[in-house]
Amino acid sequence: AVVGVGVVVSTALTALTTVADRVGTSEVGASLR
């Protein structure tokens, strides 16, 4: 139960790093990544 929630959140955070450059300016994208 704990890992299931954690893996979903962790995978979402990891996926966020792949689209960070598309969000705002390059500086904002790098900081978000």
Full PDB file with SEQRES, HELIX, SHEET, SSBOND, CRYST1, ORIGX, SCALE, CONECT and MASTER records, all heavy atoms in Angstrom:
SEQRES   1 A   33  ALA VAL VAL GLY VAL GLY VAL VAL VAL SER THR ALA LEU          
SEQRES   2 A   33  THR ALA LEU THR THR VAL ALA ASP ARG VAL GLY THR SER          
SEQRES   3 A   33  GLU VAL GLY ALA SER LEU ARG                                  
HELIX    1 AA1 VAL A    2  THR A   18  1                                  17    
HELIX    2 AA2 ALA A   20  ARG A   22  5                                   3    
HELIX    3 AA3 SER A   26  LEU A   32  1                                   7    
CRYST1    1.000    1.000    1.000  90.00  90.00  90.00 P 1           1          
ORIGX1      1.000000  0.000000  0.000000        0.00000                         
ORIGX2      0.000000  1.000000  0.000000        0.00000                         
ORIGX3      0.000000  0.000000  1.000000        0.00000                         
SCALE1      1.000000  0.000000  0.000000        0.00000                         
SCALE2      0.000000  1.000000  0.000000        0.00000                         
SCALE3      0.000000  0.000000  1.000000        0.00000                         
ATOM      1  N   ALA A   1       0.830  -1.209   0.000  1.00  0.00           N  
ATOM      2  CA  ALA A   1       0.000   0.000   0.000  1.00  0.00           C  
ATOM      3  C   ALA A   1       0.864   1.258   0.000  1.00  0.00           C  
ATOM      4  O   ALA A   1       0.609   2.209  -0.755  1.00  0.00           O  
ATOM      5  CB  ALA A   1      -0.930  -0.004   1.220  1.00  0.00           C  
ATOM      6  N   VAL A   2       1.895   1.264   0.840  1.00  0.00           N  
ATOM      7  CA  VAL A   2       2.766   2.438   0.914  1.00  0.00           C  
ATOM      8  C   VAL A   2       3.573   2.608  -0.369  1.00  0.00           C  
ATOM      9  O   VAL A   2       3.680   3.701  -0.924  1.00  0.00           O  
ATOM     10  CB  VAL A   2       3.709   2.324   2.134  1.00  0.00           C  
ATOM     11  CG1 VAL A   2       4.698   3.485   2.156  1.00  0.00           C  
ATOM     12  CG2 VAL A   2       2.907   2.298   3.426  1.00  0.00           C  
ATOM     13  N   VAL A   3       4.142   1.500  -0.860  1.00  0.00           N  
ATOM     14  CA  VAL A   3       4.969   1.566  -2.065  1.00  0.00           C  
ATOM     15  C   VAL A   3       4.119   1.943  -3.282  1.00  0.00           C  
ATOM     16  O   VAL A   3       4.581   2.679  -4.160  1.00  0.00           O  
ATOM     17  CB  VAL A   3       5.681   0.219  -2.298  1.00  0.00           C  
ATOM     18  CG1 VAL A   3       6.316   0.174  -3.680  1.00  0.00           C  
ATOM     19  CG2 VAL A   3       6.756   0.012  -1.238  1.00  0.00           C  
ATOM     20  N   GLY A   4       2.882   1.448  -3.336  1.00  0.00           N  
ATOM     21  CA  GLY A   4       2.023   1.786  -4.458  1.00  0.00           C  
ATOM     22  C   GLY A   4       1.830   3.290  -4.595  1.00  0.00           C  
ATOM     23  O   GLY A   4       1.971   3.852  -5.692  1.00  0.00           O  
ATOM     24  N   VAL A   5       1.536   3.943  -3.491  1.00  0.00           N  
ATOM     25  CA  VAL A   5       1.384   5.405  -3.515  1.00  0.00           C  
ATOM     26  C   VAL A   5       2.717   6.070  -3.832  1.00  0.00           C  
ATOM     27  O   VAL A   5       2.794   7.004  -4.641  1.00  0.00           O  
ATOM     28  CB  VAL A   5       0.844   5.905  -2.163  1.00  0.00           C  
ATOM     29  CG1 VAL A   5       0.783   7.426  -2.142  1.00  0.00           C  
ATOM     30  CG2 VAL A   5      -0.545   5.323  -1.898  1.00  0.00           C  
ATOM     31  N   GLY A   6       3.786   5.569  -3.207  1.00  0.00           N  
ATOM     32  CA  GLY A   6       5.098   6.169  -3.420  1.00  0.00           C  
ATOM     33  C   GLY A   6       5.585   6.050  -4.848  1.00  0.00           C  
ATOM     34  O   GLY A   6       6.157   6.989  -5.401  1.00  0.00           O  
ATOM     35  N   VAL A   7       5.359   4.881  -5.481  1.00  0.00           N  
ATOM     36  CA  VAL A   7       5.818   4.677  -6.854  1.00  0.00           C  
ATOM     37  C   VAL A   7       5.075   5.602  -7.815  1.00  0.00           C  
ATOM     38  O   VAL A   7       5.666   6.152  -8.746  1.00  0.00           O  
ATOM     39  CB  VAL A   7       5.630   3.202  -7.258  1.00  0.00           C  
ATOM     40  CG1 VAL A   7       5.775   3.032  -8.766  1.00  0.00           C  
ATOM     41  CG2 VAL A   7       6.651   2.335  -6.541  1.00  0.00           C  
ATOM     42  N   VAL A   8       3.766   5.795  -7.576  1.00  0.00           N  
ATOM     43  CA  VAL A   8       3.000   6.699  -8.439  1.00  0.00           C  
ATOM     44  C   VAL A   8       3.544   8.120  -8.344  1.00  0.00           C  
ATOM     45  O   VAL A   8       3.780   8.794  -9.359  1.00  0.00           O  
ATOM     46  CB  VAL A   8       1.507   6.663  -8.054  1.00  0.00           C  
ATOM     47  CG1 VAL A   8       0.745   7.765  -8.780  1.00  0.00           C  
ATOM     48  CG2 VAL A   8       0.903   5.314  -8.386  1.00  0.00           C  
ATOM     49  N   VAL A   9       3.783   8.577  -7.118  1.00  0.00           N  
ATOM     50  CA  VAL A   9       4.308   9.934  -6.935  1.00  0.00           C  
ATOM     51  C   VAL A   9       5.721  10.049  -7.495  1.00  0.00           C  
ATOM     52  O   VAL A   9       6.067  11.018  -8.180  1.00  0.00           O  
ATOM     53  CB  VAL A   9       4.286  10.320  -5.439  1.00  0.00           C  
ATOM     54  CG1 VAL A   9       4.911  11.690  -5.225  1.00  0.00           C  
ATOM     55  CG2 VAL A   9       2.861  10.297  -4.902  1.00  0.00           C  
ATOM     56  N   SER A  10       6.560   9.044  -7.226  1.00  0.00           N  
ATOM     57  CA  SER A  10       7.942   9.072  -7.716  1.00  0.00           C  
ATOM     58  C   SER A  10       7.991   9.055  -9.240  1.00  0.00           C  
ATOM     59  O   SER A  10       8.768   9.783  -9.856  1.00  0.00           O  
ATOM     60  CB  SER A  10       8.716   7.880  -7.150  1.00  0.00           C  
ATOM     61  OG  SER A  10      10.018   7.824  -7.681  1.00  0.00           O  
ATOM     62  N   THR A  11       7.154   8.217  -9.858  1.00  0.00           N  
ATOM     63  CA  THR A  11       7.126   8.162 -11.317  1.00  0.00           C  
ATOM     64  C   THR A  11       6.644   9.482 -11.911  1.00  0.00           C  
ATOM     65  O   THR A  11       7.156   9.940 -12.934  1.00  0.00           O  
ATOM     66  CB  THR A  11       6.212   7.017 -11.782  1.00  0.00           C  
ATOM     67  OG1 THR A  11       6.683   5.785 -11.217  1.00  0.00           O  
ATOM     68  CG2 THR A  11       6.211   6.902 -13.297  1.00  0.00           C  
ATOM     69  N   ALA A  12       5.655  10.103 -11.249  1.00  0.00           N  
ATOM     70  CA  ALA A  12       5.174  11.407 -11.719  1.00  0.00           C  
ATOM     71  C   ALA A  12       6.271  12.458 -11.632  1.00  0.00           C  
ATOM     72  O   ALA A  12       6.444  13.279 -12.548  1.00  0.00           O  
ATOM     73  CB  ALA A  12       3.963  11.833 -10.895  1.00  0.00           C  
ATOM     74  N   LEU A  13       7.038  12.432 -10.554  1.00  0.00           N  
ATOM     75  CA  LEU A  13       8.143  13.388 -10.420  1.00  0.00           C  
ATOM     76  C   LEU A  13       9.214  13.135 -11.466  1.00  0.00           C  
ATOM     77  O   LEU A  13       9.780  14.071 -12.043  1.00  0.00           O  
ATOM     78  CB  LEU A  13       8.744  13.290  -9.012  1.00  0.00           C  
ATOM     79  CG  LEU A  13       7.886  13.822  -7.868  1.00  0.00           C  
ATOM     80  CD1 LEU A  13       8.512  13.504  -6.515  1.00  0.00           C  
ATOM     81  CD2 LEU A  13       7.687  15.333  -8.007  1.00  0.00           C  
ATOM     82  N   THR A  14       9.499  11.850 -11.726  1.00  0.00           N  
ATOM     83  CA  THR A  14      10.488  11.534 -12.748  1.00  0.00           C  
ATOM     84  C   THR A  14      10.010  11.954 -14.130  1.00  0.00           C  
ATOM     85  O   THR A  14      10.789  12.492 -14.933  1.00  0.00           O  
ATOM     86  CB  THR A  14      10.782  10.017 -12.742  1.00  0.00           C  
ATOM     87  OG1 THR A  14      11.254   9.639 -11.441  1.00  0.00           O  
ATOM     88  CG2 THR A  14      11.832   9.655 -13.771  1.00  0.00           C  
ATOM     89  N   ALA A  15       8.736  11.717 -14.421  1.00  0.00           N  
ATOM     90  CA  ALA A  15       8.188  12.132 -15.712  1.00  0.00           C  
ATOM     91  C   ALA A  15       8.203  13.647 -15.854  1.00  0.00           C  
ATOM     92  O   ALA A  15       8.374  14.185 -16.953  1.00  0.00           O  
ATOM     93  CB  ALA A  15       6.765  11.595 -15.869  1.00  0.00           C  
ATOM     94  N   LEU A  16       8.024  14.357 -14.744  1.00  0.00           N  
ATOM     95  CA  LEU A  16       8.020  15.815 -14.782  1.00  0.00           C  
ATOM     96  C   LEU A  16       9.357  16.360 -15.258  1.00  0.00           C  
ATOM     97  O   LEU A  16       9.427  17.402 -15.906  1.00  0.00           O  
ATOM     98  CB  LEU A  16       7.683  16.369 -13.394  1.00  0.00           C  
ATOM     99  CG  LEU A  16       7.537  17.892 -13.264  1.00  0.00           C  
ATOM    100  CD1 LEU A  16       6.422  18.391 -14.180  1.00  0.00           C  
ATOM    101  CD2 LEU A  16       7.248  18.266 -11.818  1.00  0.00           C  
ATOM    102  N   THR A  17      10.435  15.644 -14.951  1.00  0.00           N  
ATOM    103  CA  THR A  17      11.757  16.109 -15.377  1.00  0.00           C  
ATOM    104  C   THR A  17      11.910  16.062 -16.895  1.00  0.00           C  
ATOM    105  O   THR A  17      12.700  16.812 -17.460  1.00  0.00           O  
ATOM    106  CB  THR A  17      12.868  15.251 -14.742  1.00  0.00           C  
ATOM    107  OG1 THR A  17      12.740  13.904 -15.193  1.00  0.00           O  
ATOM    108  CG2 THR A  17      12.772  15.286 -13.228  1.00  0.00           C  
ATOM    109  N   THR A  18      11.165  15.181 -17.561  1.00  0.00           N  
ATOM    110  CA  THR A  18      11.289  15.058 -19.015  1.00  0.00           C  
ATOM    111  C   THR A  18      10.535  16.153 -19.760  1.00  0.00           C  
ATOM    112  O   THR A  18      10.801  16.392 -20.932  1.00  0.00           O  
ATOM    113  CB  THR A  18      10.772  13.688 -19.486  1.00  0.00           C  
ATOM    114  OG1 THR A  18       9.380  13.576 -19.180  1.00  0.00           O  
ATOM    115  CG2 THR A  18      11.517  12.567 -18.793  1.00  0.00           C  
ATOM    116  N   VAL A  19       9.565  16.818 -19.102  1.00  0.00           N  
ATOM    117  CA  VAL A  19       8.788  17.875 -19.754  1.00  0.00           C  
ATOM    118  C   VAL A  19       9.071  19.231 -19.135  1.00  0.00           C  
ATOM    119  O   VAL A  19       8.424  20.210 -19.472  1.00  0.00           O  
ATOM    120  CB  VAL A  19       7.278  17.566 -19.663  1.00  0.00           C  
ATOM    121  CG1 VAL A  19       6.965  16.269 -20.374  1.00  0.00           C  
ATOM    122  CG2 VAL A  19       6.812  17.496 -18.214  1.00  0.00           C  
ATOM    123  N   ALA A  20      10.062  19.282 -18.263  1.00  0.00           N  
ATOM    124  CA  ALA A  20      10.328  20.535 -17.557  1.00  0.00           C  
ATOM    125  C   ALA A  20      10.755  21.646 -18.508  1.00  0.00           C  
ATOM    126  O   ALA A  20      10.446  22.822 -18.293  1.00  0.00           O  
ATOM    127  CB  ALA A  20      11.404  20.312 -16.489  1.00  0.00           C  
ATOM    128  N   ASP A  21      11.470  21.308 -19.577  1.00  0.00           N  
ATOM    129  CA  ASP A  21      11.959  22.331 -20.501  1.00  0.00           C  
ATOM    130  C   ASP A  21      10.833  22.999 -21.283  1.00  0.00           C  
ATOM    131  O   ASP A  21      11.039  24.070 -21.864  1.00  0.00           O  
ATOM    132  CB  ASP A  21      12.953  21.715 -21.489  1.00  0.00           C  
ATOM    133  CG  ASP A  21      14.250  21.321 -20.800  1.00  0.00           C  
ATOM    134  OD1 ASP A  21      14.591  21.959 -19.787  1.00  0.00           O  
ATOM    135  OD2 ASP A  21      14.908  20.366 -21.278  1.00  0.00           O  
ATOM    136  N   ARG A  22       9.679  22.370 -21.291  1.00  0.00           N  
ATOM    137  CA  ARG A  22       8.548  22.947 -22.024  1.00  0.00           C  
ATOM    138  C   ARG A  22       7.755  23.927 -21.177  1.00  0.00           C  
ATOM    139  O   ARG A  22       6.823  24.555 -21.660  1.00  0.00           O  
ATOM    140  CB  ARG A  22       7.608  21.840 -22.505  1.00  0.00           C  
ATOM    141  CG  ARG A  22       8.307  20.765 -23.341  1.00  0.00           C  
ATOM    142  CD  ARG A  22       7.330  19.660 -23.707  1.00  0.00           C  
ATOM    143  NE  ARG A  22       8.002  18.548 -24.345  1.00  0.00           N  
ATOM    144  CZ  ARG A  22       7.396  17.410 -24.687  1.00  0.00           C  
ATOM    145  NH1 ARG A  22       6.103  17.259 -24.452  1.00  0.00           N  
ATOM    146  NH2 ARG A  22       8.093  16.442 -25.261  1.00  0.00           N  
ATOM    147  N   VAL A  23       8.086  24.037 -19.906  1.00  0.00           N  
ATOM    148  CA  VAL A  23       7.323  24.873 -18.981  1.00  0.00           C  
ATOM    149  C   VAL A  23       8.049  26.194 -18.793  1.00  0.00           C  
ATOM    150  O   VAL A  23       9.155  26.236 -18.252  1.00  0.00           O  
ATOM    151  CB  VAL A  23       7.155  24.183 -17.616  1.00  0.00           C  
ATOM    152  CG1 VAL A  23       6.345  25.063 -16.678  1.00  0.00           C  
ATOM    153  CG2 VAL A  23       6.480  22.837 -17.795  1.00  0.00           C  
ATOM    154  N   GLY A  24       7.440  27.279 -19.258  1.00  0.00           N  
ATOM    155  CA  GLY A  24       8.011  28.590 -19.039  1.00  0.00           C  
ATOM    156  C   GLY A  24       9.350  28.770 -19.729  1.00  0.00           C  
ATOM    157  O   GLY A  24       9.634  28.218 -20.789  1.00  0.00           O  
ATOM    158  N   THR A  25      10.199  29.591 -19.120  1.00  0.00           N  
ATOM    159  CA  THR A  25      11.521  29.858 -19.662  1.00  0.00           C  
ATOM    160  C   THR A  25      12.450  28.690 -19.392  1.00  0.00           C  
ATOM    161  O   THR A  25      12.129  27.773 -18.643  1.00  0.00           O  
ATOM    162  CB  THR A  25      12.095  31.138 -19.031  1.00  0.00           C  
ATOM    163  OG1 THR A  25      12.267  30.912 -17.627  1.00  0.00           O  
ATOM    164  CG2 THR A  25      11.156  32.318 -19.248  1.00  0.00           C  
ATOM    165  N   SER A  26      13.630  28.739 -20.002  1.00  0.00           N  
ATOM    166  CA  SER A  26      14.595  27.662 -19.811  1.00  0.00           C  
ATOM    167  C   SER A  26      15.061  27.601 -18.359  1.00  0.00           C  
ATOM    168  O   SER A  26      15.319  26.520 -17.834  1.00  0.00           O  
ATOM    169  CB  SER A  26      15.790  27.865 -20.742  1.00  0.00           C  
ATOM    170  OG  SER A  26      16.412  29.115 -20.490  1.00  0.00           O  
ATOM    171  N   GLU A  27      15.182  28.783 -17.707  1.00  0.00           N  
ATOM    172  CA  GLU A  27      15.597  28.794 -16.304  1.00  0.00           C  
ATOM    173  C   GLU A  27      14.560  28.136 -15.422  1.00  0.00           C  
ATOM    174  O   GLU A  27      14.887  27.344 -14.522  1.00  0.00           O  
ATOM    175  CB  GLU A  27      15.857  30.226 -15.827  1.00  0.00           C  
ATOM    176  CG  GLU A  27      17.070  30.898 -16.451  1.00  0.00           C  
ATOM    177  CD  GLU A  27      16.776  31.425 -17.844  1.00  0.00           C  
ATOM    178  OE1 GLU A  27      15.596  31.370 -18.264  1.00  0.00           O  
ATOM    179  OE2 GLU A  27      17.730  31.876 -18.520  1.00  0.00           O  
ATOM    180  N   VAL A  28      13.281  28.438 -15.684  1.00  0.00           N  
ATOM    181  CA  VAL A  28      12.207  27.829 -14.899  1.00  0.00           C  
ATOM    182  C   VAL A  28      12.172  26.322 -15.139  1.00  0.00           C  
ATOM    183  O   VAL A  28      12.010  25.519 -14.214  1.00  0.00           O  
ATOM    184  CB  VAL A  28      10.847  28.461 -15.255  1.00  0.00           C  
ATOM    185  CG1 VAL A  28       9.705  27.714 -14.565  1.00  0.00           C  
ATOM    186  CG2 VAL A  28      10.834  29.931 -14.862  1.00  0.00           C  
ATOM    187  N   GLY A  29      12.339  25.914 -16.408  1.00  0.00           N  
ATOM    188  CA  GLY A  29      12.333  24.491 -16.720  1.00  0.00           C  
ATOM    189  C   GLY A  29      13.463  23.754 -16.042  1.00  0.00           C  
ATOM    190  O   GLY A  29      13.271  22.654 -15.516  1.00  0.00           O  
ATOM    191  N   ALA A  30      14.670  24.361 -16.046  1.00  0.00           N  
ATOM    192  CA  ALA A  30      15.811  23.717 -15.395  1.00  0.00           C  
ATOM    193  C   ALA A  30      15.595  23.599 -13.891  1.00  0.00           C  
ATOM    194  O   ALA A  30      15.885  22.559 -13.286  1.00  0.00           O  
ATOM    195  CB  ALA A  30      17.086  24.510 -15.686  1.00  0.00           C  
ATOM    196  N   SER A  31      15.067  24.657 -13.273  1.00  0.00           N  
ATOM    197  CA  SER A  31      14.808  24.624 -11.829  1.00  0.00           C  
ATOM    198  C   SER A  31      13.756  23.577 -11.489  1.00  0.00           C  
ATOM    199  O   SER A  31      13.881  22.842 -10.507  1.00  0.00           O  
ATOM    200  CB  SER A  31      14.346  26.005 -11.344  1.00  0.00           C  
ATOM    201  OG  SER A  31      15.332  26.984 -11.599  1.00  0.00           O  
ATOM    202  N   LEU A  32      12.726  23.506 -12.328  1.00  0.00           N  
ATOM    203  CA  LEU A  32      11.673  22.518 -12.095  1.00  0.00           C  
ATOM    204  C   LEU A  32      12.210  21.103 -12.247  1.00  0.00           C  
ATOM    205  O   LEU A  32      11.863  20.200 -11.475  1.00  0.00           O  
ATOM    206  CB  LEU A  32      10.529  22.745 -13.078  1.00  0.00           C  
ATOM    207  CG  LEU A  32       9.279  21.867 -12.916  1.00  0.00           C  
ATOM    208  CD1 LEU A  32       8.660  22.063 -11.548  1.00  0.00           C  
ATOM    209  CD2 LEU A  32       8.272  22.173 -14.013  1.00  0.00           C  
ATOM    210  N   ARG A  33      13.092  20.897 -13.223  1.00  0.00           N  
ATOM    211  CA  ARG A  33      13.668  19.571 -13.442  1.00  0.00           C  
ATOM    212  C   ARG A  33      14.527  19.138 -12.260  1.00  0.00           C  
ATOM    213  O   ARG A  33      14.449  18.000 -11.798  1.00  0.00           O  
ATOM    214  CB  ARG A  33      14.494  19.566 -14.727  1.00  0.00           C  
ATOM    215  CG  ARG A  33      15.035  18.189 -15.101  1.00  0.00           C  
ATOM    216  CD  ARG A  33      15.633  18.171 -16.490  1.00  0.00           C  
ATOM    217  NE  ARG A  33      16.759  19.076 -16.612  1.00  0.00           N  
ATOM    218  CZ  ARG A  33      16.723  20.215 -17.302  1.00  0.00           C  
ATOM    219  NH1 ARG A  33      15.605  20.588 -17.911  1.00  0.00           N  
ATOM    220  NH2 ARG A  33      17.780  20.987 -17.380  1.00  0.00           N  
TER     221      ARG A  33                                                      
MASTER        0    0    0    3    0    0    0    6  220    1    0    3          
END                                                                             
